[in-house]
C-alpha cells in the first residue's frame, strides 16, 4: 500500500484508576477536536487570573512527524472565562507523561472545575518539517516592505 494512504494512529494509555469516560472523544463525527476531561480527585476552585495544570488521566503515543494541539473549549470560555493558558498547547511525539491541560480563569468570578468535566480539546496535526538554518551571524537573504515592523505596523 502506498505510504500516502496509510493513516497513522495515536495510541491512548489510560491511567489504571480512570474509566472510559476519560478517553478523548469527539462530540460529533465532524468535529476536529477530541474532548478531554478533568481527571481530578475533587473539584478545583479557580479564582480570577489563577492558573492550574489539570490532569486528564491518560498518556498519548504520538507518531514522529505529528503533534497534538491542546485548544480551549469555546463554550467554557464564553460562559465562564476558562481557557487554555498557552493556547494552542503542543504535545510533541517525544513526550511520554500524562497529558496535563494548563487552564486559566480570565473571568472576575471563581470557576469550578468538576471531576469529569470537559476542559479542553485535542487536535492532531501533521508537522511541516522545515529545518532552521544553522545558528550564527548571517545576512538576511530577503527583505520585505514590512521589514522589522511589529505589532500594529501594518495598520489597525
N, C-alpha and C. Protein backbone atom coordinates (compact mmCIF):
# COMPACT_ATOMS: atom_id res chain seq x y z
N UNK A 1 0.86 -1.19 0.00
CA UNK A 1 0.00 0.00 0.00
C UNK A 1 0.90 1.24 0.00
N UNK A 2 0.61 2.22 -0.86
CA UNK A 2 1.42 3.45 -0.88
C UNK A 2 1.38 4.15 0.47
N UNK A 3 2.52 4.74 0.85
CA UNK A 3 2.64 5.36 2.17
C UNK A 3 1.65 6.51 2.36
N UNK A 4 1.24 7.21 1.28
CA UNK A 4 0.31 8.33 1.45
C UNK A 4 -1.11 7.86 1.79
N UNK A 5 -1.40 6.56 1.66
CA UNK A 5 -2.71 6.03 2.00
C UNK A 5 -2.76 5.46 3.42
N UNK A 6 -1.63 5.35 4.07
CA UNK A 6 -1.59 4.83 5.43
C UNK A 6 -1.96 5.95 6.40
N UNK A 7 -2.91 5.67 7.29
CA UNK A 7 -3.32 6.65 8.29
C UNK A 7 -2.61 6.33 9.59
N UNK A 8 -1.77 7.24 10.08
CA UNK A 8 -1.11 6.99 11.36
C UNK A 8 -2.14 7.01 12.49
N UNK A 9 -1.80 6.36 13.58
CA UNK A 9 -2.70 6.35 14.73
C UNK A 9 -1.98 6.89 15.96
N UNK A 10 -2.76 7.43 16.86
CA UNK A 10 -2.25 7.90 18.15
C UNK A 10 -2.87 6.99 19.20
N UNK A 11 -2.01 6.33 19.96
CA UNK A 11 -2.49 5.42 20.99
C UNK A 11 -2.72 6.17 22.29
N UNK A 12 -3.75 5.74 23.03
CA UNK A 12 -4.10 6.32 24.32
C UNK A 12 -3.86 5.26 25.39
N UNK A 13 -3.05 5.61 26.39
CA UNK A 13 -2.83 4.73 27.53
C UNK A 13 -3.54 5.35 28.72
N UNK A 14 -4.61 4.69 29.16
CA UNK A 14 -5.44 5.20 30.24
C UNK A 14 -4.84 4.86 31.59
N UNK A 15 -4.90 5.81 32.51
CA UNK A 15 -4.49 5.59 33.88
C UNK A 15 -5.33 4.43 34.43
N UNK A 16 -4.73 3.47 35.14
CA UNK A 16 -5.50 2.33 35.66
C UNK A 16 -6.66 2.74 36.58
N UNK A 17 -6.58 3.92 37.18
CA UNK A 17 -7.64 4.39 38.07
C UNK A 17 -8.76 5.12 37.31
N UNK A 18 -8.56 5.38 36.03
CA UNK A 18 -9.55 6.09 35.22
C UNK A 18 -10.46 5.08 34.53
N UNK A 19 -11.66 5.55 34.14
CA UNK A 19 -12.56 4.69 33.37
C UNK A 19 -12.69 5.26 31.96
N UNK A 20 -13.52 4.64 31.15
CA UNK A 20 -13.65 5.03 29.75
C UNK A 20 -14.12 6.47 29.55
N UNK A 21 -14.71 7.08 30.56
CA UNK A 21 -15.13 8.48 30.47
C UNK A 21 -13.94 9.38 30.11
N UNK A 22 -12.73 8.98 30.51
CA UNK A 22 -11.55 9.83 30.33
C UNK A 22 -10.79 9.58 29.03
N UNK A 23 -11.29 8.70 28.18
CA UNK A 23 -10.71 8.52 26.85
C UNK A 23 -11.14 9.71 25.99
N UNK A 24 -10.22 10.38 25.30
CA UNK A 24 -10.61 11.51 24.44
C UNK A 24 -11.64 11.07 23.39
N UNK A 25 -12.71 11.84 23.25
CA UNK A 25 -13.77 11.51 22.30
C UNK A 25 -14.24 12.75 21.55
N UNK A 26 -14.78 12.53 20.37
CA UNK A 26 -15.37 13.61 19.60
C UNK A 26 -16.83 13.77 20.00
N UNK A 27 -17.28 15.03 20.12
CA UNK A 27 -18.67 15.30 20.44
C UNK A 27 -19.59 14.86 19.32
N UNK A 28 -19.15 15.05 18.08
CA UNK A 28 -19.89 14.58 16.91
C UNK A 28 -18.89 14.21 15.82
N UNK A 29 -19.35 13.45 14.85
CA UNK A 29 -18.47 12.86 13.85
C UNK A 29 -17.61 13.88 13.10
N UNK A 30 -18.14 15.04 12.78
CA UNK A 30 -17.40 16.02 12.00
C UNK A 30 -16.46 16.91 12.79
N UNK A 31 -16.40 16.76 14.11
CA UNK A 31 -15.55 17.62 14.94
C UNK A 31 -14.08 17.41 14.65
N UNK A 32 -13.31 18.50 14.70
CA UNK A 32 -11.87 18.41 14.51
C UNK A 32 -11.17 17.95 15.78
N UNK A 33 -11.73 18.31 16.93
CA UNK A 33 -11.07 18.04 18.20
C UNK A 33 -11.70 16.90 18.98
N UNK A 34 -10.88 16.33 19.85
CA UNK A 34 -11.30 15.28 20.78
C UNK A 34 -11.40 15.91 22.16
N UNK A 35 -12.57 15.84 22.77
CA UNK A 35 -12.77 16.42 24.09
C UNK A 35 -12.00 15.64 25.15
N UNK A 36 -11.41 16.38 26.10
CA UNK A 36 -10.73 15.75 27.24
C UNK A 36 -11.35 16.29 28.52
N UNK A 37 -11.29 15.45 29.56
CA UNK A 37 -11.98 15.75 30.81
C UNK A 37 -10.99 15.85 31.97
N UNK A 38 -11.44 16.49 33.02
CA UNK A 38 -10.62 16.68 34.22
C UNK A 38 -10.59 15.39 35.04
N UNK A 39 -9.41 14.79 35.16
CA UNK A 39 -9.21 13.59 35.97
C UNK A 39 -8.63 14.04 37.30
N UNK A 40 -9.53 14.47 38.17
CA UNK A 40 -9.13 15.07 39.45
C UNK A 40 -9.88 14.38 40.59
N UNK A 41 -9.28 14.32 41.79
CA UNK A 41 -9.95 13.64 42.90
C UNK A 41 -11.12 14.43 43.49
N UNK A 42 -11.10 15.74 43.32
CA UNK A 42 -12.18 16.59 43.84
C UNK A 42 -12.21 17.86 43.00
N UNK A 43 -13.31 18.61 43.05
CA UNK A 43 -13.41 19.84 42.25
C UNK A 43 -12.28 20.83 42.56
N UNK A 44 -11.93 21.61 41.55
CA UNK A 44 -10.91 22.67 41.68
C UNK A 44 -11.63 24.00 41.60
N UNK A 45 -11.39 24.86 42.58
CA UNK A 45 -11.92 26.23 42.56
C UNK A 45 -10.79 27.14 42.05
N UNK A 46 -11.02 27.73 40.90
CA UNK A 46 -10.01 28.56 40.25
C UNK A 46 -10.45 30.02 40.30
N UNK A 47 -9.72 30.82 41.07
CA UNK A 47 -10.05 32.23 41.22
C UNK A 47 -9.66 33.04 39.98
N UNK A 48 -10.10 34.29 39.92
CA UNK A 48 -9.75 35.16 38.80
C UNK A 48 -8.25 35.22 38.57
N UNK A 49 -7.84 35.03 37.34
CA UNK A 49 -6.46 35.05 36.87
C UNK A 49 -5.59 33.92 37.45
N UNK A 50 -6.17 32.98 38.16
CA UNK A 50 -5.40 31.83 38.64
C UNK A 50 -5.22 30.82 37.51
N UNK A 51 -4.11 30.08 37.61
CA UNK A 51 -3.76 29.07 36.63
C UNK A 51 -3.60 27.73 37.34
N UNK A 52 -3.84 26.66 36.60
CA UNK A 52 -3.69 25.32 37.17
C UNK A 52 -3.38 24.34 36.05
N UNK A 53 -2.59 23.32 36.36
CA UNK A 53 -2.35 22.21 35.44
C UNK A 53 -3.30 21.08 35.84
N UNK A 54 -4.23 20.74 34.97
CA UNK A 54 -5.26 19.75 35.28
C UNK A 54 -4.92 18.43 34.59
N UNK A 55 -4.81 17.34 35.36
CA UNK A 55 -4.54 16.04 34.76
C UNK A 55 -5.74 15.52 33.99
N UNK A 56 -5.47 14.67 33.00
CA UNK A 56 -6.53 14.12 32.15
C UNK A 56 -6.73 12.61 32.33
N UNK A 57 -5.78 11.93 32.98
CA UNK A 57 -5.93 10.51 33.21
C UNK A 57 -5.42 9.63 32.09
N UNK A 58 -4.68 10.21 31.14
CA UNK A 58 -4.14 9.37 30.05
C UNK A 58 -2.82 9.93 29.53
N UNK A 59 -2.11 9.06 28.83
CA UNK A 59 -0.90 9.43 28.10
C UNK A 59 -1.15 9.13 26.63
N UNK A 60 -0.38 9.76 25.76
CA UNK A 60 -0.51 9.55 24.31
C UNK A 60 0.79 9.01 23.74
N UNK A 61 0.66 8.18 22.73
CA UNK A 61 1.81 7.77 21.93
C UNK A 61 1.60 8.35 20.54
N UNK A 62 2.34 9.42 20.26
CA UNK A 62 2.16 10.19 19.03
C UNK A 62 3.27 9.81 18.05
N UNK A 63 2.94 9.47 16.80
CA UNK A 63 3.99 9.11 15.84
C UNK A 63 4.88 10.31 15.48
N UNK A 64 6.12 10.02 15.16
CA UNK A 64 7.04 11.06 14.71
C UNK A 64 6.44 11.77 13.50
N UNK A 65 6.64 13.08 13.42
CA UNK A 65 6.10 13.86 12.32
C UNK A 65 4.73 14.44 12.61
N UNK A 66 4.25 14.20 13.84
CA UNK A 66 2.93 14.70 14.24
C UNK A 66 3.03 15.39 15.60
N UNK A 67 2.04 16.19 15.91
CA UNK A 67 1.87 16.80 17.23
C UNK A 67 0.39 16.72 17.55
N UNK A 68 0.05 16.97 18.81
CA UNK A 68 -1.34 17.12 19.20
C UNK A 68 -1.45 18.48 19.86
N UNK A 69 -2.33 19.32 19.32
CA UNK A 69 -2.54 20.65 19.88
C UNK A 69 -3.64 20.61 20.93
N UNK A 70 -3.42 21.34 22.02
CA UNK A 70 -4.41 21.46 23.10
C UNK A 70 -5.08 22.81 22.94
N UNK A 71 -6.38 22.79 22.75
CA UNK A 71 -7.13 24.02 22.49
C UNK A 71 -8.27 24.17 23.48
N UNK A 72 -8.73 25.41 23.70
CA UNK A 72 -9.83 25.64 24.63
C UNK A 72 -11.15 25.07 24.13
N UNK A 73 -12.08 24.91 25.04
CA UNK A 73 -13.48 24.63 24.71
C UNK A 73 -14.17 25.98 24.61
N UNK A 74 -14.70 26.33 23.46
CA UNK A 74 -15.25 27.67 23.25
C UNK A 74 -16.42 27.97 24.18
N UNK A 75 -17.25 26.99 24.47
CA UNK A 75 -18.39 27.21 25.36
C UNK A 75 -17.95 27.56 26.78
N UNK A 76 -16.92 26.89 27.27
CA UNK A 76 -16.43 27.19 28.62
C UNK A 76 -15.82 28.59 28.67
N UNK A 77 -15.15 28.98 27.59
CA UNK A 77 -14.59 30.33 27.57
C UNK A 77 -15.69 31.38 27.54
N UNK A 78 -16.67 31.18 26.66
CA UNK A 78 -17.75 32.16 26.53
C UNK A 78 -18.57 32.27 27.82
N UNK A 79 -18.92 31.15 28.41
CA UNK A 79 -19.80 31.15 29.58
C UNK A 79 -19.08 31.42 30.90
N UNK A 80 -17.79 30.99 31.00
CA UNK A 80 -17.10 31.06 32.29
C UNK A 80 -15.78 31.82 32.29
N UNK A 81 -15.24 32.12 31.11
CA UNK A 81 -13.93 32.77 31.05
C UNK A 81 -12.78 31.80 31.24
N UNK A 82 -13.04 30.49 31.15
CA UNK A 82 -12.00 29.47 31.32
C UNK A 82 -11.38 29.15 29.98
N UNK A 83 -10.05 29.21 29.90
CA UNK A 83 -9.38 28.92 28.64
C UNK A 83 -8.05 28.23 28.90
N UNK A 84 -7.46 27.73 27.83
CA UNK A 84 -6.13 27.12 27.89
C UNK A 84 -5.12 28.26 27.91
N UNK A 85 -4.24 28.24 28.88
CA UNK A 85 -3.31 29.34 29.08
C UNK A 85 -2.25 29.49 28.01
N UNK A 86 -1.85 28.44 27.39
CA UNK A 86 -0.79 28.51 26.37
C UNK A 86 -1.35 28.04 25.04
N UNK A 87 -2.47 28.61 24.66
CA UNK A 87 -3.19 28.10 23.51
C UNK A 87 -2.58 28.49 22.17
N UNK A 88 -2.44 27.62 21.20
CA UNK A 88 -2.63 26.20 21.44
C UNK A 88 -1.39 25.60 22.10
N UNK A 89 -1.61 24.74 23.06
CA UNK A 89 -0.51 23.99 23.65
C UNK A 89 -0.08 22.91 22.67
N UNK A 90 1.13 22.45 22.80
CA UNK A 90 1.65 21.40 21.92
C UNK A 90 2.10 20.21 22.72
N UNK A 91 1.65 19.03 22.31
CA UNK A 91 2.15 17.78 22.85
C UNK A 91 3.00 17.17 21.74
N UNK A 92 4.29 17.07 21.99
CA UNK A 92 5.23 16.54 20.99
C UNK A 92 5.25 15.02 21.02
N UNK A 93 5.71 14.42 19.93
CA UNK A 93 5.80 12.96 19.83
C UNK A 93 6.72 12.39 20.91
N UNK A 94 7.71 13.13 21.34
CA UNK A 94 8.65 12.64 22.34
C UNK A 94 8.16 12.69 23.77
N UNK A 95 7.02 13.35 24.04
CA UNK A 95 6.52 13.47 25.40
C UNK A 95 5.83 12.18 25.81
N UNK A 96 6.22 11.62 26.94
CA UNK A 96 5.69 10.33 27.39
C UNK A 96 4.83 10.43 28.64
N UNK A 97 4.68 11.60 29.24
CA UNK A 97 3.95 11.73 30.50
C UNK A 97 2.46 11.90 30.31
N UNK A 98 1.77 12.00 31.45
CA UNK A 98 0.32 12.22 31.42
C UNK A 98 0.03 13.57 30.77
N UNK A 99 -1.00 13.62 29.97
CA UNK A 99 -1.42 14.87 29.35
C UNK A 99 -2.02 15.75 30.45
N UNK A 100 -1.48 16.96 30.55
CA UNK A 100 -1.96 17.95 31.51
C UNK A 100 -2.46 19.15 30.70
N UNK A 101 -3.55 19.75 31.15
CA UNK A 101 -4.10 20.92 30.47
C UNK A 101 -3.87 22.13 31.37
N UNK A 102 -3.19 23.14 30.83
CA UNK A 102 -2.92 24.37 31.57
C UNK A 102 -4.09 25.32 31.37
N UNK A 103 -4.86 25.50 32.43
CA UNK A 103 -6.05 26.35 32.36
C UNK A 103 -5.84 27.64 33.12
N UNK A 104 -6.51 28.70 32.66
CA UNK A 104 -6.50 29.99 33.34
C UNK A 104 -7.94 30.53 33.35
N UNK A 105 -8.30 31.12 34.46
CA UNK A 105 -9.61 31.74 34.62
C UNK A 105 -9.47 33.23 34.29
N UNK A 106 -10.06 33.66 33.19
CA UNK A 106 -9.98 35.06 32.78
C UNK A 106 -11.23 35.85 33.19
N UNK A 107 -12.08 35.25 33.99
CA UNK A 107 -13.28 35.96 34.43
C UNK A 107 -13.04 36.60 35.80
N UNK A 108 -13.93 37.50 36.23
CA UNK A 108 -13.80 38.11 37.56
C UNK A 108 -14.38 37.23 38.67
N UNK A 109 -14.92 36.06 38.33
CA UNK A 109 -15.55 35.17 39.30
C UNK A 109 -14.77 33.87 39.43
N UNK A 110 -14.98 33.16 40.53
CA UNK A 110 -14.40 31.83 40.72
C UNK A 110 -15.06 30.87 39.73
N UNK A 111 -14.25 30.04 39.08
CA UNK A 111 -14.75 28.99 38.19
C UNK A 111 -14.45 27.65 38.87
N UNK A 112 -15.44 26.78 38.89
CA UNK A 112 -15.26 25.47 39.49
C UNK A 112 -15.12 24.44 38.38
N UNK A 113 -14.03 23.67 38.45
CA UNK A 113 -13.80 22.58 37.51
C UNK A 113 -14.17 21.29 38.23
N UNK A 114 -15.20 20.64 37.74
CA UNK A 114 -15.73 19.42 38.37
C UNK A 114 -15.01 18.19 37.82
N UNK A 115 -15.01 17.13 38.62
CA UNK A 115 -14.47 15.84 38.20
C UNK A 115 -15.20 15.39 36.94
N UNK A 116 -14.45 15.04 35.89
CA UNK A 116 -15.04 14.53 34.66
C UNK A 116 -15.58 15.57 33.71
N UNK A 117 -15.49 16.87 34.04
CA UNK A 117 -15.95 17.92 33.13
C UNK A 117 -15.00 18.07 31.96
N UNK A 118 -15.56 18.42 30.80
CA UNK A 118 -14.75 18.72 29.63
C UNK A 118 -13.96 20.00 29.91
N UNK A 119 -12.64 19.94 29.63
CA UNK A 119 -11.79 21.10 29.93
C UNK A 119 -11.03 21.63 28.72
N UNK A 120 -10.91 20.83 27.67
CA UNK A 120 -10.15 21.25 26.50
C UNK A 120 -10.44 20.27 25.38
N UNK A 121 -9.84 20.54 24.23
CA UNK A 121 -9.93 19.60 23.12
C UNK A 121 -8.55 19.40 22.52
N UNK A 122 -8.33 18.21 21.98
CA UNK A 122 -7.06 17.86 21.36
C UNK A 122 -7.26 17.76 19.86
N UNK A 123 -6.35 18.39 19.10
CA UNK A 123 -6.43 18.36 17.65
C UNK A 123 -5.09 17.85 17.11
N UNK A 124 -5.08 16.61 16.56
CA UNK A 124 -3.84 16.09 15.97
C UNK A 124 -3.47 16.87 14.71
N UNK A 125 -2.17 17.09 14.52
CA UNK A 125 -1.69 17.84 13.36
C UNK A 125 -0.43 17.19 12.80
N UNK A 126 -0.35 17.14 11.48
CA UNK A 126 0.89 16.72 10.83
C UNK A 126 1.83 17.91 10.83
N UNK A 127 3.09 17.66 11.14
CA UNK A 127 4.07 18.75 11.18
C UNK A 127 4.64 19.01 9.79
N UNK A 128 4.84 20.27 9.49
CA UNK A 128 5.60 20.66 8.31
C UNK A 128 7.04 20.77 8.78
N UNK A 129 7.86 19.84 8.36
CA UNK A 129 9.23 19.81 8.83
C UNK A 129 10.08 20.70 7.93
N UNK A 130 10.45 21.86 8.48
CA UNK A 130 11.27 22.82 7.75
C UNK A 130 12.47 23.11 8.64
N UNK A 131 13.66 22.69 8.23
CA UNK A 131 14.82 22.92 9.10
C UNK A 131 15.16 24.39 9.22
N UNK A 132 15.58 24.78 10.41
CA UNK A 132 16.05 26.14 10.64
C UNK A 132 17.53 26.16 10.29
N UNK A 133 17.96 27.23 9.61
CA UNK A 133 19.35 27.35 9.19
C UNK A 133 20.27 27.31 10.41
N UNK A 134 21.51 26.92 10.18
CA UNK A 134 22.49 26.89 11.27
C UNK A 134 22.48 28.22 12.01
N UNK A 135 22.56 28.13 13.33
CA UNK A 135 22.56 29.34 14.15
C UNK A 135 23.93 30.00 14.05
N UNK A 136 23.92 31.27 13.91
CA UNK A 136 25.15 32.05 13.80
C UNK A 136 24.82 33.37 13.14
N UNK A 137 25.79 34.23 13.08
CA UNK A 137 25.54 35.54 12.48
C UNK A 137 25.49 35.38 10.97
N UNK A 138 24.39 35.79 10.40
CA UNK A 138 24.18 35.65 8.96
C UNK A 138 23.54 36.92 8.41
N UNK A 139 23.61 37.06 7.11
CA UNK A 139 22.91 38.12 6.41
C UNK A 139 21.51 37.61 6.06
N UNK A 140 20.50 38.49 6.18
CA UNK A 140 19.17 38.10 5.71
C UNK A 140 19.23 37.92 4.21
N UNK A 141 18.53 36.91 3.75
CA UNK A 141 18.57 36.64 2.31
C UNK A 141 17.49 37.39 1.55
N UNK A 142 16.45 37.85 2.26
CA UNK A 142 15.39 38.60 1.60
C UNK A 142 14.97 39.76 2.49
N UNK A 143 14.37 40.74 1.89
CA UNK A 143 13.78 41.84 2.65
C UNK A 143 12.33 41.97 2.20
N UNK A 144 11.51 42.54 3.06
CA UNK A 144 10.10 42.74 2.74
C UNK A 144 9.74 44.18 3.02
N UNK A 145 8.64 44.67 2.46
CA UNK A 145 8.23 46.05 2.75
C UNK A 145 7.97 46.27 4.24
N UNK A 146 7.49 45.26 4.94
CA UNK A 146 7.21 45.40 6.37
C UNK A 146 8.49 45.45 7.18
N UNK A 147 9.49 44.74 6.76
CA UNK A 147 10.77 44.75 7.46
C UNK A 147 10.65 44.26 8.89
N UNK A 148 11.16 45.03 9.84
CA UNK A 148 11.12 44.64 11.25
C UNK A 148 9.91 45.19 11.99
N UNK A 149 8.97 45.79 11.23
CA UNK A 149 7.78 46.35 11.86
C UNK A 149 6.99 45.26 12.57
N UNK A 150 6.60 45.54 13.80
CA UNK A 150 5.91 44.54 14.62
C UNK A 150 4.44 44.83 14.78
N UNK A 151 3.95 44.63 15.98
CA UNK A 151 2.53 44.74 16.28
C UNK A 151 1.96 46.08 15.83
N UNK A 152 0.96 46.02 14.97
CA UNK A 152 0.29 47.23 14.50
C UNK A 152 0.98 47.95 13.37
N UNK A 153 2.11 47.43 12.91
CA UNK A 153 2.88 48.16 11.89
C UNK A 153 2.20 48.19 10.52
N UNK A 154 1.22 47.30 10.30
CA UNK A 154 0.54 47.30 9.01
C UNK A 154 -0.81 48.00 9.09
N UNK A 155 -1.09 48.63 10.21
CA UNK A 155 -2.34 49.36 10.39
C UNK A 155 -3.29 48.64 11.32
N UNK A 156 -4.32 49.34 11.71
CA UNK A 156 -5.31 48.76 12.63
C UNK A 156 -6.56 48.37 11.89
